[in-house]
Amino acid sequence: MFHKIFFAFFLFWSAQGFASDLLLKPVQVAPNVYAVIGDIGMQSYENDGLNSNLGFVVTPQGVVIINSGPSVRVAKALHEAIRKTTSQPVK
């Protein structure tokens, strides 16, 4: 039983460290409009499945996300990139 708990904790802990190293770099394509350009190839482990474009718009009321990505890991990285771009809340 202890080994299962330890293994589960290890997986969770290692996934948290792994998730923090994905850095997305939004490009401003128009005033208050940003895009993260995905890989042009197929989805893969190396590109985190990100072969589409993500986007968000900063409005006076908050940030509207156009596409949050193919996984929770990418969505969290996008949220972090948004936080570095604006202090507006994600709506």
PDB file of N, CA and C in Angstrom:
ATOM      1  N   MET A   1       0.825  -1.187   0.000  1.00  0.00           N
ATOM      2  CA  MET A   1       0.000   0.000   0.000  1.00  0.00           C
ATOM      3  C   MET A   1       0.873   1.257   0.000  1.00  0.00           C
ATOM      4  N   PHE A   2       1.899   1.279   0.839  1.00  0.00           N
ATOM      5  CA  PHE A   2       2.785   2.438   0.903  1.00  0.00           C
ATOM      6  C   PHE A   2       3.422   2.719  -0.455  1.00  0.00           C
ATOM      7  N   HIS A   3       3.824   1.664  -1.171  1.00  0.00           N
ATOM      8  CA  HIS A   3       4.466   1.834  -2.470  1.00  0.00           C
ATOM      9  C   HIS A   3       3.522   2.481  -3.473  1.00  0.00           C
ATOM     10  N   LYS A   4       2.247   2.125  -3.425  1.00  0.00           N
ATOM     11  CA  LYS A   4       1.264   2.715  -4.339  1.00  0.00           C
ATOM     12  C   LYS A   4       1.068   4.196  -4.052  1.00  0.00           C
ATOM     13  N   ILE A   5       1.003   4.536  -2.780  1.00  0.00           N
ATOM     14  CA  ILE A   5       0.844   5.944  -2.404  1.00  0.00           C
ATOM     15  C   ILE A   5       2.081   6.733  -2.798  1.00  0.00           C
ATOM     16  N   PHE A   6       3.255   6.180  -2.526  1.00  0.00           N
ATOM     17  CA  PHE A   6       4.498   6.845  -2.892  1.00  0.00           C
ATOM     18  C   PHE A   6       4.580   7.039  -4.396  1.00  0.00           C
ATOM     19  N   PHE A   7       4.231   6.001  -5.162  1.00  0.00           N
ATOM     20  CA  PHE A   7       4.277   6.070  -6.618  1.00  0.00           C
ATOM     21  C   PHE A   7       3.303   7.130  -7.140  1.00  0.00           C
ATOM     22  N   ALA A   8       2.095   7.174  -6.585  1.00  0.00           N
ATOM     23  CA  ALA A   8       1.105   8.166  -6.997  1.00  0.00           C
ATOM     24  C   ALA A   8       1.605   9.578  -6.692  1.00  0.00           C
ATOM     25  N   PHE A   9       2.178   9.772  -5.514  1.00  0.00           N
ATOM     26  CA  PHE A   9       2.736  11.078  -5.153  1.00  0.00           C
ATOM     27  C   PHE A   9       3.868  11.464  -6.098  1.00  0.00           C
ATOM     28  N   PHE A  10       4.736  10.505  -6.409  1.00  0.00           N
ATOM     29  CA  PHE A  10       5.851  10.770  -7.308  1.00  0.00           C
ATOM     30  C   PHE A  10       5.354  11.200  -8.690  1.00  0.00           C
ATOM     31  N   LEU A  11       4.343  10.501  -9.208  1.00  0.00           N
ATOM     32  CA  LEU A  11       3.793  10.868 -10.518  1.00  0.00           C
ATOM     33  C   LEU A  11       3.210  12.270 -10.488  1.00  0.00           C
ATOM     34  N   PHE A  12       2.455  12.579  -9.445  1.00  0.00           N
ATOM     35  CA  PHE A  12       1.870  13.911  -9.323  1.00  0.00           C
ATOM     36  C   PHE A  12       2.949  14.977  -9.223  1.00  0.00           C
ATOM     37  N   TRP A  13       3.922  14.750  -8.378  1.00  0.00           N
ATOM     38  CA  TRP A  13       5.002  15.719  -8.175  1.00  0.00           C
ATOM     39  C   TRP A  13       5.810  15.929  -9.449  1.00  0.00           C
ATOM     40  N   SER A  14       6.157  14.852 -10.150  1.00  0.00           N
ATOM     41  CA  SER A  14       6.948  14.974 -11.367  1.00  0.00           C
ATOM     42  C   SER A  14       6.144  15.656 -12.464  1.00  0.00           C
ATOM     43  N   ALA A  15       4.836  15.414 -12.523  1.00  0.00           N
ATOM     44  CA  ALA A  15       4.000  16.073 -13.529  1.00  0.00           C
ATOM     45  C   ALA A  15       3.919  17.568 -13.257  1.00  0.00           C
ATOM     46  N   GLN A  16       3.889  17.965 -11.992  1.00  0.00           N
ATOM     47  CA  GLN A  16       3.841  19.382 -11.664  1.00  0.00           C
ATOM     48  C   GLN A  16       5.118  20.089 -12.107  1.00  0.00           C
ATOM     49  N   GLY A  17       6.255  19.463 -11.886  1.00  0.00           N
ATOM     50  CA  GLY A  17       7.516  20.052 -12.333  1.00  0.00           C
ATOM     51  C   GLY A  17       7.607  20.103 -13.837  1.00  0.00           C
ATOM     52  N   PHE A  18       7.111  19.074 -14.506  1.00  0.00           N
ATOM     53  CA  PHE A  18       7.146  19.017 -15.961  1.00  0.00           C
ATOM     54  C   PHE A  18       6.234  20.073 -16.569  1.00  0.00           C
ATOM     55  N   ALA A  19       5.082  20.308 -15.963  1.00  0.00           N
ATOM     56  CA  ALA A  19       4.123  21.271 -16.501  1.00  0.00           C
ATOM     57  C   ALA A  19       4.665  22.689 -16.456  1.00  0.00           C
ATOM     58  N   SER A  20       5.531  22.970 -15.509  1.00  0.00           N
ATOM     59  CA  SER A  20       6.002  24.337 -15.365  1.00  0.00           C
ATOM     60  C   SER A  20       7.059  24.722 -16.404  1.00  0.00           C
ATOM     61  N   ASP A  21       7.590  23.763 -17.169  1.00  0.00           N
ATOM     62  CA  ASP A  21       8.647  24.111 -18.112  1.00  0.00           C
ATOM     63  C   ASP A  21       8.141  24.424 -19.518  1.00  0.00           C
ATOM     64  N   LEU A  22       6.853  24.355 -19.765  1.00  0.00           N
ATOM     65  CA  LEU A  22       6.291  24.698 -21.061  1.00  0.00           C
ATOM     66  C   LEU A  22       6.052  26.201 -21.107  1.00  0.00           C
ATOM     67  N   LEU A  23       6.796  26.890 -21.951  1.00  0.00           N
ATOM     68  CA  LEU A  23       6.662  28.339 -22.069  1.00  0.00           C
ATOM     69  C   LEU A  23       6.074  28.682 -23.425  1.00  0.00           C
ATOM     70  N   LEU A  24       4.923  29.315 -23.417  1.00  0.00           N
ATOM     71  CA  LEU A  24       4.303  29.770 -24.653  1.00  0.00           C
ATOM     72  C   LEU A  24       4.586  31.252 -24.823  1.00  0.00           C
ATOM     73  N   LYS A  25       4.815  31.650 -26.054  1.00  0.00           N
ATOM     74  CA  LYS A  25       5.158  33.047 -26.335  1.00  0.00           C
ATOM     75  C   LYS A  25       4.106  33.672 -27.244  1.00  0.00           C
ATOM     76  N   PRO A  26       3.144  34.373 -26.635  1.00  0.00           N
ATOM     77  CA  PRO A  26       2.124  35.026 -27.447  1.00  0.00           C
ATOM     78  C   PRO A  26       2.720  36.127 -28.320  1.00  0.00           C
ATOM     79  N   VAL A  27       2.167  36.252 -29.518  1.00  0.00           N
ATOM     80  CA  VAL A  27       2.567  37.295 -30.462  1.00  0.00           C
ATOM     81  C   VAL A  27       1.373  38.218 -30.637  1.00  0.00           C
ATOM     82  N   GLN A  28       1.598  39.525 -30.503  1.00  0.00           N
ATOM     83  CA  GLN A  28       0.504  40.467 -30.697  1.00  0.00           C
ATOM     84  C   GLN A  28       0.251  40.591 -32.196  1.00  0.00           C
ATOM     85  N   VAL A  29      -0.977  40.277 -32.629  1.00  0.00           N
ATOM     86  CA  VAL A  29      -1.321  40.312 -34.050  1.00  0.00           C
ATOM     87  C   VAL A  29      -2.188  41.509 -34.404  1.00  0.00           C
ATOM     88  N   ALA A  30      -2.752  42.157 -33.407  1.00  0.00           N
ATOM     89  CA  ALA A  30      -3.540  43.384 -33.542  1.00  0.00           C
ATOM     90  C   ALA A  30      -3.600  43.993 -32.151  1.00  0.00           C
ATOM     91  N   PRO A  31      -4.056  45.222 -32.032  1.00  0.00           N
ATOM     92  CA  PRO A  31      -4.161  45.797 -30.691  1.00  0.00           C
ATOM     93  C   PRO A  31      -5.018  44.903 -29.774  1.00  0.00           C
ATOM     94  N   ASN A  32      -4.444  44.482 -28.667  1.00  0.00           N
ATOM     95  CA  ASN A  32      -5.100  43.656 -27.651  1.00  0.00           C
ATOM     96  C   ASN A  32      -5.484  42.255 -28.120  1.00  0.00           C
ATOM     97  N   VAL A  33      -4.942  41.810 -29.243  1.00  0.00           N
ATOM     98  CA  VAL A  33      -5.223  40.477 -29.773  1.00  0.00           C
ATOM     99  C   VAL A  33      -3.897  39.728 -29.894  1.00  0.00           C
ATOM    100  N   TYR A  34      -3.842  38.531 -29.290  1.00  0.00           N
ATOM    101  CA  TYR A  34      -2.602  37.759 -29.229  1.00  0.00           C
ATOM    102  C   TYR A  34      -2.827  36.349 -29.760  1.00  0.00           C
ATOM    103  N   ALA A  35      -1.775  35.777 -30.345  1.00  0.00           N
ATOM    104  CA  ALA A  35      -1.826  34.405 -30.837  1.00  0.00           C
ATOM    105  C   ALA A  35      -0.574  33.670 -30.406  1.00  0.00           C
ATOM    106  N   VAL A  36      -0.748  32.387 -30.129  1.00  0.00           N
ATOM    107  CA  VAL A  36       0.368  31.472 -29.912  1.00  0.00           C
ATOM    108  C   VAL A  36       0.299  30.510 -31.087  1.00  0.00           C
ATOM    109  N   ILE A  37       1.307  30.549 -31.935  1.00  0.00           N
ATOM    110  CA  ILE A  37       1.308  29.759 -33.158  1.00  0.00           C
ATOM    111  C   ILE A  37       1.834  28.364 -32.858  1.00  0.00           C
ATOM    112  N   GLY A  38       1.002  27.363 -33.159  1.00  0.00           N
ATOM    113  CA  GLY A  38       1.376  25.978 -32.915  1.00  0.00           C
ATOM    114  C   GLY A  38       2.267  25.426 -34.012  1.00  0.00           C
ATOM    115  N   ASP A  39       2.761  24.241 -33.775  1.00  0.00           N
ATOM    116  CA  ASP A  39       3.607  23.531 -34.719  1.00  0.00           C
ATOM    117  C   ASP A  39       2.813  23.217 -35.989  1.00  0.00           C
ATOM    118  N   ILE A  40       3.475  23.225 -37.139  1.00  0.00           N
ATOM    119  CA  ILE A  40       2.770  22.918 -38.383  1.00  0.00           C
ATOM    120  C   ILE A  40       2.713  21.418 -38.668  1.00  0.00           C
ATOM    121  N   GLY A  41       3.387  20.623 -37.853  1.00  0.00           N
ATOM    122  CA  GLY A  41       3.377  19.169 -38.026  1.00  0.00           C
ATOM    123  C   GLY A  41       2.213  18.529 -37.292  1.00  0.00           C
ATOM    124  N   MET A  42       2.262  17.222 -37.214  1.00  0.00           N
ATOM    125  CA  MET A  42       1.246  16.454 -36.506  1.00  0.00           C
ATOM    126  C   MET A  42       1.433  16.619 -34.992  1.00  0.00           C
ATOM    127  N   GLN A  43       0.391  16.280 -34.237  1.00  0.00           N
ATOM    128  CA  GLN A  43       0.518  16.297 -32.787  1.00  0.00           C
ATOM    129  C   GLN A  43       1.544  15.252 -32.367  1.00  0.00           C
ATOM    130  N   SER A  44       2.391  15.640 -31.413  1.00  0.00           N
ATOM    131  CA  SER A  44       3.407  14.722 -30.930  1.00  0.00           C
ATOM    132  C   SER A  44       3.741  15.050 -29.480  1.00  0.00           C
ATOM    133  N   TYR A  45       4.495  14.167 -28.866  1.00  0.00           N
ATOM    134  CA  TYR A  45       4.965  14.402 -27.501  1.00  0.00           C
ATOM    135  C   TYR A  45       5.875  15.627 -27.470  1.00  0.00           C
ATOM    136  N   GLU A  46       6.703  15.755 -28.494  1.00  0.00           N
ATOM    137  CA  GLU A  46       7.679  16.851 -28.537  1.00  0.00           C
ATOM    138  C   GLU A  46       7.009  18.222 -28.636  1.00  0.00           C
ATOM    139  N   ASN A  47       5.867  18.312 -29.332  1.00  0.00           N
ATOM    140  CA  ASN A  47       5.212  19.616 -29.458  1.00  0.00           C
ATOM    141  C   ASN A  47       4.005  19.743 -28.523  1.00  0.00           C
ATOM    142  N   ASP A  48       3.917  18.850 -27.540  1.00  0.00           N
ATOM    143  CA  ASP A  48       2.839  18.866 -26.547  1.00  0.00           C
ATOM    144  C   ASP A  48       1.457  18.795 -27.186  1.00  0.00           C
ATOM    145  N   GLY A  49       1.373  18.216 -28.376  1.00  0.00           N
ATOM    146  CA  GLY A  49       0.095  18.120 -29.062  1.00  0.00           C
ATOM    147  C   GLY A  49      -0.385  19.442 -29.617  1.00  0.00           C
ATOM    148  N   LEU A  50       0.461  20.453 -29.527  1.00  0.00           N
ATOM    149  CA  LEU A  50       0.067  21.806 -29.924  1.00  0.00           C
ATOM    150  C   LEU A  50       0.382  22.024 -31.403  1.00  0.00           C
ATOM    151  N   ASN A  51      -0.561  21.637 -32.255  1.00  0.00           N
ATOM    152  CA  ASN A  51      -0.389  21.875 -33.681  1.00  0.00           C
ATOM    153  C   ASN A  51      -1.526  22.741 -34.211  1.00  0.00           C
ATOM    154  N   SER A  52      -2.101  23.528 -33.317  1.00  0.00           N
ATOM    155  CA  SER A  52      -3.106  24.520 -33.705  1.00  0.00           C
ATOM    156  C   SER A  52      -2.691  25.850 -33.095  1.00  0.00           C
ATOM    157  N   ASN A  53      -3.408  26.880 -33.440  1.00  0.00           N
ATOM    158  CA  ASN A  53      -3.085  28.195 -32.904  1.00  0.00           C
ATOM    159  C   ASN A  53      -4.002  28.505 -31.727  1.00  0.00           C
ATOM    160  N   LEU A  54      -3.431  29.073 -30.695  1.00  0.00           N
ATOM    161  CA  LEU A  54      -4.179  29.518 -29.532  1.00  0.00           C
ATOM    162  C   LEU A  54      -4.320  31.022 -29.631  1.00  0.00           C
ATOM    163  N   GLY A  55      -5.332  31.564 -29.010  1.00  0.00           N
ATOM    164  CA  GLY A  55      -5.484  33.008 -29.074  1.00  0.00           C
ATOM    165  C   GLY A  55      -6.215  33.552 -27.874  1.00  0.00           C
ATOM    166  N   PHE A  56      -6.026  34.845 -27.664  1.00  0.00           N
ATOM    167  CA  PHE A  56      -6.786  35.531 -26.624  1.00  0.00           C
ATOM    168  C   PHE A  56      -6.873  37.006 -26.941  1.00  0.00           C
ATOM    169  N   VAL A  57      -7.951  37.616 -26.442  1.00  0.00           N
ATOM    170  CA  VAL A  57      -8.219  39.034 -26.653  1.00  0.00           C
ATOM    171  C   VAL A  57      -8.334  39.685 -25.286  1.00  0.00           C
ATOM    172  N   VAL A  58      -7.630  40.784 -25.105  1.00  0.00           N
ATOM    173  CA  VAL A  58      -7.683  41.532 -23.851  1.00  0.00           C
ATOM    174  C   VAL A  58      -8.727  42.629 -24.007  1.00  0.00           C
ATOM    175  N   THR A  59      -9.773  42.582 -23.177  1.00  0.00           N
ATOM    176  CA  THR A  59     -10.831  43.591 -23.203  1.00  0.00           C
ATOM    177  C   THR A  59     -10.805  44.357 -21.883  1.00  0.00           C
ATOM    178  N   PRO A  60     -11.515  45.466 -21.806  1.00  0.00           N
ATOM    179  CA  PRO A  60     -11.571  46.191 -20.528  1.00  0.00           C
ATOM    180  C   PRO A  60     -12.176  45.359 -19.388  1.00  0.00           C
ATOM    181  N   GLN A  61     -13.032  44.397 -19.730  1.00  0.00           N
ATOM    182  CA  GLN A  61     -13.656  43.569 -18.695  1.00  0.00           C
ATOM    183  C   GLN A  61     -12.828  42.338 -18.338  1.00  0.00           C
ATOM    184  N   GLY A  62     -11.920  41.930 -19.198  1.00  0.00           N
ATOM    185  CA  GLY A  62     -11.106  40.753 -18.932  1.00  0.00           C
ATOM    186  C   GLY A  62     -10.605  40.124 -20.214  1.00  0.00           C
ATOM    187  N   VAL A  63      -9.975  38.972 -20.083  1.00  0.00           N
ATOM    188  CA  VAL A  63      -9.364  38.274 -21.211  1.00  0.00           C
ATOM    189  C   VAL A  63     -10.312  37.184 -21.707  1.00  0.00           C
ATOM    190  N   VAL A  64     -10.517  37.175 -23.024  1.00  0.00           N
ATOM    191  CA  VAL A  64     -11.326  36.141 -23.662  1.00  0.00           C
ATOM    192  C   VAL A  64     -10.373  35.208 -24.403  1.00  0.00           C
ATOM    193  N   ILE A  65     -10.429  33.916 -24.081  1.00  0.00           N
ATOM    194  CA  ILE A  65      -9.553  32.937 -24.723  1.00  0.00           C
ATOM    195  C   ILE A  65     -10.269  32.366 -25.939  1.00  0.00           C
ATOM    196  N   ILE A  66      -9.559  32.330 -27.072  1.00  0.00           N
ATOM    197  CA  ILE A  66     -10.117  31.806 -28.315  1.00  0.00           C
ATOM    198  C   ILE A  66      -9.965  30.284 -28.360  1.00  0.00           C
ATOM    199  N   ASN A  67      -8.821  29.765 -28.007  1.00  0.00           N
ATOM    200  CA  ASN A  67      -8.561  28.324 -28.006  1.00  0.00           C
ATOM    201  C   ASN A  67      -7.585  28.063 -26.868  1.00  0.00           C
ATOM    202  N   SER A  68      -7.955  27.167 -25.959  1.00  0.00           N
ATOM    203  CA  SER A  68      -7.105  26.922 -24.788  1.00  0.00           C
ATOM    204  C   SER A  68      -6.091  25.810 -24.998  1.00  0.00           C
ATOM    205  N   GLY A  69      -6.141  25.132 -26.141  1.00  0.00           N
ATOM    206  CA  GLY A  69      -5.136  24.120 -26.434  1.00  0.00           C
ATOM    207  C   GLY A  69      -5.619  22.696 -26.268  1.00  0.00           C
ATOM    208  N   PRO A  70      -4.736  21.739 -26.584  1.00  0.00           N
ATOM    209  CA  PRO A  70      -5.113  20.337 -26.616  1.00  0.00           C
ATOM    210  C   PRO A  70      -5.054  19.605 -25.272  1.00  0.00           C
ATOM    211  N   SER A  71      -4.562  20.271 -24.226  1.00  0.00           N
ATOM    212  CA  SER A  71      -4.417  19.579 -22.942  1.00  0.00           C
ATOM    213  C   SER A  71      -4.447  20.571 -21.792  1.00  0.00           C
ATOM    214  N   VAL A  72      -4.597  20.038 -20.606  1.00  0.00           N
ATOM    215  CA  VAL A  72      -4.563  20.870 -19.405  1.00  0.00           C
ATOM    216  C   VAL A  72      -3.188  21.516 -19.279  1.00  0.00           C
ATOM    217  N   ARG A  73      -2.138  20.784 -19.610  1.00  0.00           N
ATOM    218  CA  ARG A  73      -0.768  21.309 -19.526  1.00  0.00           C
ATOM    219  C   ARG A  73      -0.607  22.548 -20.405  1.00  0.00           C
ATOM    220  N   VAL A  74      -1.111  22.492 -21.633  1.00  0.00           N
ATOM    221  CA  VAL A  74      -1.013  23.633 -22.548  1.00  0.00           C
ATOM    222  C   VAL A  74      -1.901  24.771 -22.054  1.00  0.00           C
ATOM    223  N   ALA A  75      -3.095  24.454 -21.572  1.00  0.00           N
ATOM    224  CA  ALA A  75      -3.996  25.492 -21.059  1.00  0.00           C
ATOM    225  C   ALA A  75      -3.368  26.231 -19.879  1.00  0.00           C
ATOM    226  N   LYS A  76      -2.713  25.492 -18.988  1.00  0.00           N
ATOM    227  CA  LYS A  76      -2.044  26.135 -17.852  1.00  0.00           C
ATOM    228  C   LYS A  76      -0.894  27.023 -18.329  1.00  0.00           C
ATOM    229  N   ALA A  77      -0.148  26.563 -19.316  1.00  0.00           N
ATOM    230  CA  ALA A  77       0.951  27.369 -19.861  1.00  0.00           C
ATOM    231  C   ALA A  77       0.399  28.621 -20.540  1.00  0.00           C
ATOM    232  N   LEU A  78      -0.739  28.483 -21.227  1.00  0.00           N
ATOM    233  CA  LEU A  78      -1.364  29.657 -21.856  1.00  0.00           C
ATOM    234  C   LEU A  78      -1.802  30.649 -20.792  1.00  0.00           C
ATOM    235  N   HIS A  79      -2.401  30.146 -19.722  1.00  0.00           N
ATOM    236  CA  HIS A  79      -2.830  31.036 -18.635  1.00  0.00           C
ATOM    237  C   HIS A  79      -1.636  31.785 -18.052  1.00  0.00           C
ATOM    238  N   GLU A  80      -0.527  31.103 -17.888  1.00  0.00           N
ATOM    239  CA  GLU A  80       0.688  31.755 -17.373  1.00  0.00           C
ATOM    240  C   GLU A  80       1.184  32.822 -18.354  1.00  0.00           C
ATOM    241  N   ALA A  81       1.133  32.529 -19.641  1.00  0.00           N
ATOM    242  CA  ALA A  81       1.547  33.508 -20.652  1.00  0.00           C
ATOM    243  C   ALA A  81       0.623  34.721 -20.637  1.00  0.00           C
ATOM    244  N   ILE A  82      -0.663  34.482 -20.446  1.00  0.00           N
ATOM    245  CA  ILE A  82      -1.618  35.592 -20.363  1.00  0.00           C
ATOM    246  C   ILE A  82      -1.305  36.454 -19.148  1.00  0.00           C
ATOM    247  N   ARG A  83      -1.014  35.819 -18.016  1.00  0.00           N
ATOM    248  CA  ARG A  83      -0.698  36.572 -16.793  1.00  0.00           C
ATOM    249  C   ARG A  83       0.545  37.440 -16.969  1.00  0.00           C
ATOM    250  N   LYS A  84       1.474  36.991 -17.827  1.00  0.00           N
ATOM    251  CA  LYS A  84       2.672  37.798 -18.091  1.00  0.00           C
ATOM    252  C   LYS A  84       2.386  38.928 -19.076  1.00  0.00           C
ATOM    253  N   THR A  85       1.277  38.815 -19.810  1.00  0.00           N
ATOM    254  CA  THR A  85       0.933  39.816 -20.816  1.00  0.00           C
ATOM    255  C   THR A  85       0.043  40.914 -20.261  1.00  0.00           C
ATOM    256  N   THR A  86      -0.886  40.542 -19.370  1.00  0.00           N
ATOM    257  CA  THR A  86      -1.861  41.516 -18.842  1.00  0.00           C
ATOM    258  C   THR A  86      -2.260  41.145 -17.424  1.00  0.00           C
ATOM    259  N   SER A  87      -2.726  42.134 -16.691  1.00  0.00           N
ATOM    260  CA  SER A  87      -3.239  41.883 -15.341  1.00  0.00           C
ATOM    261  C   SER A  87      -4.750  41.669 -15.349  1.00  0.00           C
ATOM    262  N   GLN A  88      -5.373  41.782 -16.515  1.00  0.00           N
ATOM    263  CA  GLN A  88      -6.815  41.563 -16.635  1.00  0.00           C
ATOM    264  C   GLN A  88      -7.146  40.107 -16.300  1.00  0.00           C
ATOM    265  N   PRO A  89      -8.273  39.850 -15.645  1.00  0.00           N
ATOM    266  CA  PRO A  89      -8.646  38.474 -15.319  1.00  0.00           C
ATOM    267  C   PRO A  89      -9.105  37.711 -16.559  1.00  0.00           C
ATOM    268  N   VAL A  90      -8.896  36.406 -16.560  1.00  0.00           N
ATOM    269  CA  VAL A  90      -9.396  35.569 -17.640  1.00  0.00           C
ATOM    270  C   VAL A  90     -10.875  35.334 -17.399  1.00  0.00           C
ATOM    271  N   LYS A  91     -11.678  35.623 -18.392  1.00  0.00           N
ATOM    272  CA  LYS A  91     -13.134  35.457 -18.286  1.00  0.00           C
ATOM    273  C   LYS A  91     -13.543  34.206 -19.016  1.00  0.00           C
TER     274      LYS A  91
END
